Amino acid sequence: MADEAGSWERRRFLFVLASTREGGNSEALARHAARSLPDAAARTWVRLRDLPMERFRDVRHDGAGEFPRPEGALADLWRATREATDVVVVSPLYWYSLSSEAKLYLDHWSGWFRVPGATFRADMEGSTLWGVTAYHSPTPEHADPLVGALRNTADFMRMRWGGVLLGKAVRPGDLGSDPTAAAEAATFFTRPLHTPPATAALPAVRL
């Protein structure tokens, strides 16, 4: 669970790289933003394409609706996600939304809080969800579905919402043509956070 802003020694940032390309603009923007974090804040970088993540199989409505405990690399990702105070989903804008790698990662969340004896949803409550994406659409509003998916995920999980850092670029290395993105990256992780009201009821798990 995340501490209040300022307790940087207790902050653990998990950067989830969800592009099929290494060194793309979304990753470059995330690494630029991460350089502004205090040295005391821990950082872990995970590249999803390098993990043997299985396709998600939805068994929520089969029998007891329970999912098996993750194993291998998926168990490591599950543990890293639970231990993070800040989860940063770094995804390029694909067809106006998250990449398939990012979507698969979030699909597995549905199973993780249905593992018998696990407390994934409670573990994530109070931590912070962020997004970083590069887009090359004519307008940043084309990223609204991506932003909405992450924002709604944060609300559903009762996580705090850090927002999405947007940068306009086409080919790798094009971020230099978007000075606004570079300026926002310098202070992105110190922006005010959105915290769900303490009195808000938890949404039903079965959707």
C-alpha atoms as a PDB file:
ATOM      1  CA  MET A   1       0.000   0.000   0.000  1.00  0.00           C
ATOM      2  CA  ALA A   2       1.336   3.400  -0.933  1.00  0.00           C
ATOM      3  CA  ASP A   3       2.340   5.975   1.652  1.00  0.00           C
ATOM      4  CA  GLU A   4       1.512   9.634   1.333  1.00  0.00           C
ATOM      5  CA  ALA A   5       3.583  11.611  -1.138  1.00  0.00           C
ATOM      6  CA  GLY A   6       6.898  12.593   0.360  1.00  0.00           C
ATOM      7  CA  SER A   7       7.760   9.221   1.921  1.00  0.00           C
ATOM      8  CA  TRP A   8      10.017   8.422  -0.991  1.00  0.00           C
ATOM      9  CA  GLU A   9      12.047   5.880   0.963  1.00  0.00           C
ATOM     10  CA  ARG A  10       8.956   3.687   1.069  1.00  0.00           C
ATOM     11  CA  ARG A  11       7.917   4.148  -2.541  1.00  0.00           C
ATOM     12  CA  ARG A  12       8.456   1.247  -4.942  1.00  0.00           C
ATOM     13  CA  PHE A  13       7.772   2.024  -8.606  1.00  0.00           C
ATOM     14  CA  LEU A  14       7.055  -0.867 -10.968  1.00  0.00           C
ATOM     15  CA  PHE A  15       7.439   0.185 -14.612  1.00  0.00           C
ATOM     16  CA  VAL A  16       5.559  -2.290 -16.798  1.00  0.00           C
ATOM     17  CA  LEU A  17       6.907  -2.000 -20.352  1.00  0.00           C
ATOM     18  CA  ALA A  18       4.085  -3.185 -22.590  1.00  0.00           C
ATOM     19  CA  SER A  19       5.406  -2.532 -26.091  1.00  0.00           C
ATOM     20  CA  THR A  20       6.553  -5.244 -28.494  1.00  0.00           C
ATOM     21  CA  ARG A  21       9.373  -2.866 -29.474  1.00  0.00           C
ATOM     22  CA  GLU A  22      12.392  -2.258 -27.264  1.00  0.00           C
ATOM     23  CA  GLY A  23      13.448   1.353 -26.827  1.00  0.00           C
ATOM     24  CA  GLY A  24      10.286   2.849 -28.287  1.00  0.00           C
ATOM     25  CA  ASN A  25       8.975   6.330 -27.586  1.00  0.00           C
ATOM     26  CA  SER A  26       6.684   5.278 -24.721  1.00  0.00           C
ATOM     27  CA  GLU A  27       9.610   3.629 -22.957  1.00  0.00           C
ATOM     28  CA  ALA A  28      11.859   6.617 -23.640  1.00  0.00           C
ATOM     29  CA  LEU A  29       9.263   8.958 -22.163  1.00  0.00           C
ATOM     30  CA  ALA A  30       8.860   6.753 -19.086  1.00  0.00           C
ATOM     31  CA  ARG A  31      12.609   6.603 -18.509  1.00  0.00           C
ATOM     32  CA  HIS A  32      12.829  10.374 -18.878  1.00  0.00           C
ATOM     33  CA  ALA A  33      10.097  10.809 -16.256  1.00  0.00           C
ATOM     34  CA  ALA A  34      11.716   8.259 -13.934  1.00  0.00           C
ATOM     35  CA  ARG A  35      14.930  10.263 -13.848  1.00  0.00           C
ATOM     36  CA  SER A  36      13.073  12.945 -11.884  1.00  0.00           C
ATOM     37  CA  LEU A  37      12.279  10.545  -9.041  1.00  0.00           C
ATOM     38  CA  PRO A  38      14.314  10.974  -5.853  1.00  0.00           C
ATOM     39  CA  ASP A  39      17.109   8.449  -5.432  1.00  0.00           C
ATOM     40  CA  ALA A  40      15.313   7.023  -2.407  1.00  0.00           C
ATOM     41  CA  ALA A  41      12.412   5.767  -4.544  1.00  0.00           C
ATOM     42  CA  ALA A  42      12.936   2.179  -5.693  1.00  0.00           C
ATOM     43  CA  ARG A  43      12.437   1.399  -9.383  1.00  0.00           C
ATOM     44  CA  THR A  44      11.828  -1.954 -11.059  1.00  0.00           C
ATOM     45  CA  TRP A  45      11.492  -2.341 -14.829  1.00  0.00           C
ATOM     46  CA  VAL A  46       9.651  -5.325 -16.322  1.00  0.00           C
ATOM     47  CA  ARG A  47       9.375  -5.947 -20.071  1.00  0.00           C
ATOM     48  CA  LEU A  48       6.226  -7.977 -20.667  1.00  0.00           C
ATOM     49  CA  ARG A  49       7.274  -9.325 -24.055  1.00  0.00           C
ATOM     50  CA  ASP A  50      10.165 -11.149 -22.349  1.00  0.00           C
ATOM     51  CA  LEU A  51       7.818 -12.981 -19.969  1.00  0.00           C
ATOM     52  CA  PRO A  52       6.071 -16.218 -20.980  1.00  0.00           C
ATOM     53  CA  MET A  53       2.621 -14.939 -20.051  1.00  0.00           C
ATOM     54  CA  GLU A  54      -0.089 -17.418 -20.929  1.00  0.00           C
ATOM     55  CA  ARG A  55      -3.269 -16.347 -22.645  1.00  0.00           C
ATOM     56  CA  PHE A  56      -5.871 -15.385 -20.066  1.00  0.00           C
ATOM     57  CA  ARG A  57      -8.646 -17.934 -19.606  1.00  0.00           C
ATOM     58  CA  ASP A  58     -11.722 -16.561 -17.878  1.00  0.00           C
ATOM     59  CA  VAL A  59     -13.118 -19.083 -15.385  1.00  0.00           C
ATOM     60  CA  ARG A  60     -14.938 -16.598 -13.158  1.00  0.00           C
ATOM     61  CA  HIS A  61     -18.264 -18.282 -13.752  1.00  0.00           C
ATOM     62  CA  ASP A  62     -17.039 -21.873 -13.831  1.00  0.00           C
ATOM     63  CA  GLY A  63     -17.781 -23.667 -10.591  1.00  0.00           C
ATOM     64  CA  ALA A  64     -16.368 -21.700  -7.673  1.00  0.00           C
ATOM     65  CA  GLY A  65     -14.836 -19.146 -10.047  1.00  0.00           C
ATOM     66  CA  GLU A  66     -11.388 -19.608  -8.546  1.00  0.00           C
ATOM     67  CA  PHE A  67      -8.083 -19.197 -10.374  1.00  0.00           C
ATOM     68  CA  PRO A  68      -4.896 -21.196  -9.793  1.00  0.00           C
ATOM     69  CA  ARG A  69      -2.004 -19.531  -8.003  1.00  0.00           C
ATOM     70  CA  PRO A  70       0.417 -18.058 -10.579  1.00  0.00           C
ATOM     71  CA  GLU A  71       3.648 -19.946 -11.181  1.00  0.00           C
ATOM     72  CA  GLY A  72       7.048 -19.143 -12.655  1.00  0.00           C
ATOM     73  CA  ALA A  73       7.513 -15.774 -14.342  1.00  0.00           C
ATOM     74  CA  LEU A  74       3.824 -14.928 -13.904  1.00  0.00           C
ATOM     75  CA  ALA A  75       4.185 -15.468 -10.153  1.00  0.00           C
ATOM     76  CA  ASP A  76       7.155 -13.089 -10.134  1.00  0.00           C
ATOM     77  CA  LEU A  77       5.062 -10.469 -11.953  1.00  0.00           C
ATOM     78  CA  TRP A  78       2.159 -11.012  -9.548  1.00  0.00           C
ATOM     79  CA  ARG A  79       4.490 -10.528  -6.590  1.00  0.00           C
ATOM     80  CA  ALA A  80       6.142  -7.442  -8.067  1.00  0.00           C
ATOM     81  CA  THR A  81       2.729  -5.894  -8.746  1.00  0.00           C
ATOM     82  CA  ARG A  82       1.518  -6.544  -5.209  1.00  0.00           C
ATOM     83  CA  GLU A  83       4.697  -5.175  -3.637  1.00  0.00           C
ATOM     84  CA  ALA A  84       4.713  -1.961  -5.685  1.00  0.00           C
ATOM     85  CA  THR A  85       3.359   1.236  -4.213  1.00  0.00           C
ATOM     86  CA  ASP A  86       3.208   2.670  -7.740  1.00  0.00           C
ATOM     87  CA  VAL A  87       2.415   0.715 -10.917  1.00  0.00           C
ATOM     88  CA  VAL A  88       3.304   2.505 -14.151  1.00  0.00           C
ATOM     89  CA  VAL A  89       1.809   0.961 -17.301  1.00  0.00           C
ATOM     90  CA  VAL A  90       4.007   2.020 -20.215  1.00  0.00           C
ATOM     91  CA  SER A  91       2.110   1.292 -23.417  1.00  0.00           C
ATOM     92  CA  PRO A  92       2.112   2.772 -26.905  1.00  0.00           C
ATOM     93  CA  LEU A  93      -1.260   3.815 -28.269  1.00  0.00           C
ATOM     94  CA  TYR A  94      -2.451   0.908 -30.434  1.00  0.00           C
ATOM     95  CA  TRP A  95      -5.813   1.300 -32.146  1.00  0.00           C
ATOM     96  CA  TYR A  96      -6.698   4.078 -29.708  1.00  0.00           C
ATOM     97  CA  SER A  97      -6.148   1.956 -26.629  1.00  0.00           C
ATOM     98  CA  LEU A  98      -3.667  -0.211 -24.723  1.00  0.00           C
ATOM     99  CA  SER A  99      -1.291  -2.606 -26.414  1.00  0.00           C
ATOM    100  CA  SER A 100      -2.158  -6.300 -26.372  1.00  0.00           C
ATOM    101  CA  GLU A 101       0.651  -6.898 -23.868  1.00  0.00           C
ATOM    102  CA  ALA A 102      -0.771  -4.302 -21.454  1.00  0.00           C
ATOM    103  CA  LYS A 103      -4.297  -5.640 -21.859  1.00  0.00           C
ATOM    104  CA  LEU A 104      -3.138  -9.198 -21.157  1.00  0.00           C
ATOM    105  CA  TYR A 105      -1.379  -7.980 -18.009  1.00  0.00           C
ATOM    106  CA  LEU A 106      -4.567  -6.339 -16.742  1.00  0.00           C
ATOM    107  CA  ASP A 107      -6.647  -9.368 -17.765  1.00  0.00           C
ATOM    108  CA  HIS A 108      -4.532 -11.440 -15.400  1.00  0.00           C
ATOM    109  CA  TRP A 109      -5.479  -9.059 -12.591  1.00  0.00           C
ATOM    110  CA  SER A 110      -9.003 -10.476 -12.879  1.00  0.00           C
ATOM    111  CA  GLY A 111      -7.616 -13.875 -11.992  1.00  0.00           C
ATOM    112  CA  TRP A 112      -5.183 -12.703  -9.344  1.00  0.00           C
ATOM    113  CA  PHE A 113      -7.870 -11.382  -7.009  1.00  0.00           C
ATOM    114  CA  ARG A 114      -9.719 -14.703  -7.317  1.00  0.00           C
ATOM    115  CA  VAL A 115      -6.814 -16.898  -6.213  1.00  0.00           C
ATOM    116  CA  PRO A 116      -7.928 -18.770  -3.056  1.00  0.00           C
ATOM    117  CA  GLY A 117      -6.256 -17.363   0.031  1.00  0.00           C
ATOM    118  CA  ALA A 118      -4.709 -14.429  -1.845  1.00  0.00           C
ATOM    119  CA  THR A 119      -5.445 -10.798  -1.081  1.00  0.00           C
ATOM    120  CA  PHE A 120      -4.477  -9.152  -4.375  1.00  0.00           C
ATOM    121  CA  ARG A 121      -7.292  -6.629  -4.419  1.00  0.00           C
ATOM    122  CA  ALA A 122      -6.654  -5.567  -0.833  1.00  0.00           C
ATOM    123  CA  ASP A 123      -2.915  -5.420  -1.540  1.00  0.00           C
ATOM    124  CA  MET A 124      -3.493  -2.985  -4.414  1.00  0.00           C
ATOM    125  CA  GLU A 125      -5.906  -0.709  -2.561  1.00  0.00           C
ATOM    126  CA  GLY A 126      -4.237   2.615  -1.851  1.00  0.00           C
ATOM    127  CA  SER A 127      -1.359   2.108  -4.274  1.00  0.00           C
ATOM    128  CA  THR A 128      -1.139   4.358  -7.329  1.00  0.00           C
ATOM    129  CA  LEU A 129      -1.715   3.550 -10.996  1.00  0.00           C
ATOM    130  CA  TRP A 130       0.007   5.640 -13.671  1.00  0.00           C
ATOM    131  CA  GLY A 131       0.217   5.471 -17.444  1.00  0.00           C
ATOM    132  CA  VAL A 132       2.771   6.601 -20.000  1.00  0.00           C
ATOM    133  CA  THR A 133       2.068   6.489 -23.728  1.00  0.00           C
ATOM    134  CA  ALA A 134       3.341   7.840 -27.016  1.00  0.00           C
ATOM    135  CA  TYR A 135       0.868   8.509 -29.796  1.00  0.00           C
ATOM    136  CA  HIS A 136       1.026   9.813 -33.349  1.00  0.00           C
ATOM    137  CA  SER A 137      -2.650  10.606 -33.903  1.00  0.00           C
ATOM    138  CA  PRO A 138      -3.588  14.136 -34.965  1.00  0.00           C
ATOM    139  CA  THR A 139      -5.069  14.864 -31.535  1.00  0.00           C
ATOM    140  CA  PRO A 140      -4.317  13.593 -27.999  1.00  0.00           C
ATOM    141  CA  GLU A 141      -8.033  12.959 -27.509  1.00  0.00           C
ATOM    142  CA  HIS A 142      -7.537   9.789 -29.558  1.00  0.00           C
ATOM    143  CA  ALA A 143      -5.825   8.385 -26.453  1.00  0.00           C
ATOM    144  CA  ASP A 144      -8.990   8.846 -24.366  1.00  0.00           C
ATOM    145  CA  PRO A 145      -9.917   5.124 -24.492  1.00  0.00           C
ATOM    146  CA  LEU A 146      -6.469   4.208 -23.115  1.00  0.00           C
ATOM    147  CA  VAL A 147      -6.718   6.837 -20.397  1.00  0.00           C
ATOM    148  CA  GLY A 148     -10.240   5.721 -19.538  1.00  0.00           C
ATOM    149  CA  ALA A 149      -9.241   2.061 -19.282  1.00  0.00           C
ATOM    150  CA  LEU A 150      -6.489   2.830 -16.786  1.00  0.00           C
ATOM    151  CA  ARG A 151      -8.528   5.379 -14.844  1.00  0.00           C
ATOM    152  CA  ASN A 152     -11.445   2.973 -14.508  1.00  0.00           C
ATOM    153  CA  THR A 153      -9.058   0.212 -13.446  1.00  0.00           C
ATOM    154  CA  ALA A 154      -7.698   2.440 -10.692  1.00  0.00           C
ATOM    155  CA  ASP A 155     -11.201   3.306  -9.512  1.00  0.00           C
ATOM    156  CA  PHE A 156     -12.336  -0.329  -9.565  1.00  0.00           C
ATOM    157  CA  MET A 157      -9.280  -1.448  -7.591  1.00  0.00           C
ATOM    158  CA  ARG A 158      -9.554   1.535  -5.223  1.00  0.00           C
ATOM    159  CA  MET A 159      -6.110   2.631  -6.264  1.00  0.00           C
ATOM    160  CA  ARG A 160      -5.065   6.236  -6.444  1.00  0.00           C
ATOM    161  CA  TRP A 161      -4.897   7.701  -9.924  1.00  0.00           C
ATOM    162  CA  GLY A 162      -1.682   9.361 -11.053  1.00  0.00           C
ATOM    163  CA  GLY A 163      -2.785  10.181 -14.598  1.00  0.00           C
ATOM    164  CA  VAL A 164      -1.287   9.442 -18.018  1.00  0.00           C
ATOM    165  CA  LEU A 165       1.782  11.129 -19.435  1.00  0.00           C
ATOM    166  CA  LEU A 166       1.283  11.677 -23.173  1.00  0.00           C
ATOM    167  CA  GLY A 167       3.969  12.319 -25.773  1.00  0.00           C
ATOM    168  CA  LYS A 168       3.491  12.795 -29.506  1.00  0.00           C
ATOM    169  CA  ALA A 169       5.945  10.883 -31.693  1.00  0.00           C
ATOM    170  CA  VAL A 170       5.995   8.658 -34.754  1.00  0.00           C
ATOM    171  CA  ARG A 171       9.371   6.993 -35.200  1.00  0.00           C
ATOM    172  CA  PRO A 172      11.704   6.065 -32.315  1.00  0.00           C
ATOM    173  CA  GLY A 173      13.550   9.158 -31.155  1.00  0.00           C
ATOM    174  CA  ASP A 174      10.839  11.596 -32.258  1.00  0.00           C
ATOM    175  CA  LEU A 175       9.931  12.700 -28.738  1.00  0.00           C
ATOM    176  CA  GLY A 176      12.319  15.615 -29.034  1.00  0.00           C
ATOM    177  CA  SER A 177       9.740  17.262 -31.271  1.00  0.00           C
ATOM    178  CA  ASP A 178       7.260  17.382 -28.360  1.00  0.00           C
ATOM    179  CA  PRO A 179       8.746  19.791 -25.779  1.00  0.00           C
ATOM    180  CA  THR A 180       5.512  19.791 -23.792  1.00  0.00           C
ATOM    181  CA  ALA A 181       5.883  16.076 -23.053  1.00  0.00           C
ATOM    182  CA  ALA A 182       9.463  16.533 -21.855  1.00  0.00           C
ATOM    183  CA  ALA A 183       8.418  19.381 -19.555  1.00  0.00           C
ATOM    184  CA  GLU A 184       5.519  17.412 -18.090  1.00  0.00           C
ATOM    185  CA  ALA A 185       7.732  14.347 -17.604  1.00  0.00           C
ATOM    186  CA  ALA A 186      10.055  16.329 -15.350  1.00  0.00           C
ATOM    187  CA  THR A 187       7.336  16.680 -12.687  1.00  0.00           C
ATOM    188  CA  PHE A 188       4.905  13.928 -13.652  1.00  0.00           C
ATOM    189  CA  PHE A 189       5.383  11.711 -10.621  1.00  0.00           C
ATOM    190  CA  THR A 190       4.936  14.589  -8.163  1.00  0.00           C
ATOM    191  CA  ARG A 191       1.530  15.640  -9.477  1.00  0.00           C
ATOM    192  CA  PRO A 192      -1.486  15.579  -7.135  1.00  0.00           C
ATOM    193  CA  LEU A 193      -3.175  12.203  -6.989  1.00  0.00           C
ATOM    194  CA  HIS A 194      -6.805  11.205  -7.284  1.00  0.00           C
ATOM    195  CA  THR A 195      -7.934   9.172  -4.273  1.00  0.00           C
ATOM    196  CA  PRO A 196     -11.334   7.410  -4.297  1.00  0.00           C
ATOM    197  CA  PRO A 197     -13.621   8.623  -1.481  1.00  0.00           C
ATOM    198  CA  ALA A 198     -13.080   6.617   1.694  1.00  0.00           C
ATOM    199  CA  THR A 199     -16.820   6.005   1.924  1.00  0.00           C
ATOM    200  CA  ALA A 200     -17.125   4.597  -1.601  1.00  0.00           C
ATOM    201  CA  ALA A 201     -18.350   1.018  -1.666  1.00  0.00           C
ATOM    202  CA  LEU A 202     -16.191  -1.572  -3.383  1.00  0.00           C
ATOM    203  CA  PRO A 203     -17.651  -2.519  -6.771  1.00  0.00           C
ATOM    204  CA  ALA A 204     -18.906  -6.077  -7.091  1.00  0.00           C
ATOM    205  CA  VAL A 205     -16.180  -8.479  -8.143  1.00  0.00           C
ATOM    206  CA  ARG A 206     -18.270 -10.484 -10.586  1.00  0.00           C
ATOM    207  CA  LEU A 207     -18.987  -8.361 -13.645  1.00  0.00           C
END
